[in-house]
Amino acid sequence: MKTSKRICKNGALTLPKQVRAEVGLFPGNAVDIETQSDGSIIIKPAIPCCRFCGSPEHLINVENIVICTDCAEKILTKVDKTND
């Protein structure tokens, strides 16, 4: 996803909701910010968190998507219902 935002007068930058949702960032999550020699900036979670609920506990990695076991169980329950 590509989007453009203006930096506020105080230097703040708000990440759009769709961008945060796409990478699993939730309010209260800590992020690491790195600058690159080409002038680009990398923002990523400081610690892994569930893509769906933001929990940092009981995580598994499924096809490069970090998810907690609670959310995985909820998804499996819904999948089982649709397969009946």
Protein backbone atom coordinates (compact mmCIF):
# COMPACT_ATOMS: atom_id res chain seq x y z
CA MET A 1 0.00 0.00 0.00
CA LYS A 2 1.20 3.50 -0.79
CA THR A 3 -0.23 6.65 0.74
CA SER A 4 0.84 10.23 1.39
CA LYS A 5 0.55 12.18 4.66
CA ARG A 6 1.68 15.61 5.83
CA ILE A 7 3.85 16.03 8.87
CA CYS A 8 2.16 18.21 11.53
CA LYS A 9 3.68 21.48 12.75
CA ASN A 10 4.97 19.69 15.86
CA GLY A 11 6.71 17.04 13.73
CA ALA A 12 4.15 14.28 14.37
CA LEU A 13 3.03 11.86 11.69
CA THR A 14 -0.10 9.75 12.01
CA LEU A 15 -0.08 6.36 10.33
CA PRO A 16 -3.38 5.80 8.51
CA LYS A 17 -5.67 3.17 10.01
CA GLN A 18 -5.48 0.99 6.89
CA VAL A 19 -1.66 0.97 7.06
CA ARG A 20 -1.69 0.06 10.76
CA ALA A 21 -4.25 -2.68 10.17
CA GLU A 22 -2.29 -4.11 7.24
CA VAL A 23 0.77 -4.69 9.43
CA GLY A 24 -1.02 -5.41 12.71
CA LEU A 25 -0.16 -2.26 14.68
CA PHE A 26 -2.56 -1.29 17.46
CA PRO A 27 -2.78 1.74 19.77
CA GLY A 28 -0.29 1.23 22.58
CA ASN A 29 2.07 -1.00 20.55
CA ALA A 30 5.71 0.05 20.60
CA VAL A 31 7.50 0.44 17.26
CA ASP A 32 11.12 0.56 16.15
CA ILE A 33 11.99 3.33 13.69
CA GLU A 34 15.09 2.98 11.52
CA THR A 35 16.53 5.34 8.95
CA GLN A 36 18.26 4.03 5.85
CA SER A 37 21.18 5.53 3.92
CA ASP A 38 18.87 6.16 0.93
CA GLY A 39 16.62 8.39 3.08
CA SER A 40 13.86 5.83 3.60
CA ILE A 41 12.39 5.05 7.00
CA ILE A 42 11.42 1.62 8.30
CA ILE A 43 8.76 1.35 11.02
CA LYS A 44 8.11 -2.09 12.50
CA PRO A 45 6.73 -3.52 15.73
CA ALA A 46 9.28 -3.46 18.57
CA ILE A 47 8.00 -6.85 19.69
CA PRO A 48 5.82 -9.28 17.74
CA CYS A 49 2.07 -8.84 18.33
CA CYS A 50 -1.00 -10.66 17.04
CA ARG A 51 -2.10 -9.26 13.67
CA PHE A 52 -5.74 -9.34 14.78
CA CYS A 53 -5.91 -8.33 18.46
CA GLY A 54 -2.48 -6.84 19.20
CA SER A 55 -1.64 -9.26 22.01
CA PRO A 56 2.07 -9.96 22.52
CA GLU A 57 1.37 -13.29 24.25
CA HIS A 58 1.07 -16.92 23.02
CA LEU A 59 2.08 -16.12 19.44
CA ILE A 60 2.53 -18.40 16.45
CA ASN A 61 3.73 -17.53 12.96
CA VAL A 62 1.57 -18.80 10.10
CA GLU A 63 2.84 -18.02 6.60
CA ASN A 64 4.63 -14.92 7.96
CA ILE A 65 1.52 -13.71 9.78
CA VAL A 66 1.91 -13.46 13.55
CA ILE A 67 -1.25 -14.53 15.36
CA CYS A 68 -2.03 -15.44 18.97
CA THR A 69 -3.46 -18.82 19.85
CA ASP A 70 -6.75 -17.23 21.02
CA CYS A 71 -7.36 -15.62 17.62
CA ALA A 72 -6.26 -18.81 15.85
CA GLU A 73 -8.83 -20.79 17.83
CA LYS A 74 -11.57 -18.26 16.97
CA ILE A 75 -10.70 -18.53 13.28
CA LEU A 76 -10.68 -22.33 13.39
CA THR A 77 -14.08 -22.32 15.11
CA LYS A 78 -15.54 -20.19 12.29
CA VAL A 79 -13.90 -22.36 9.63
CA ASP A 80 -15.29 -25.52 11.22
CA LYS A 81 -18.81 -24.00 11.21
CA THR A 82 -18.62 -23.14 7.50
CA ASN A 83 -17.42 -26.65 6.63
CA ASP A 84 -20.40 -28.33 8.31
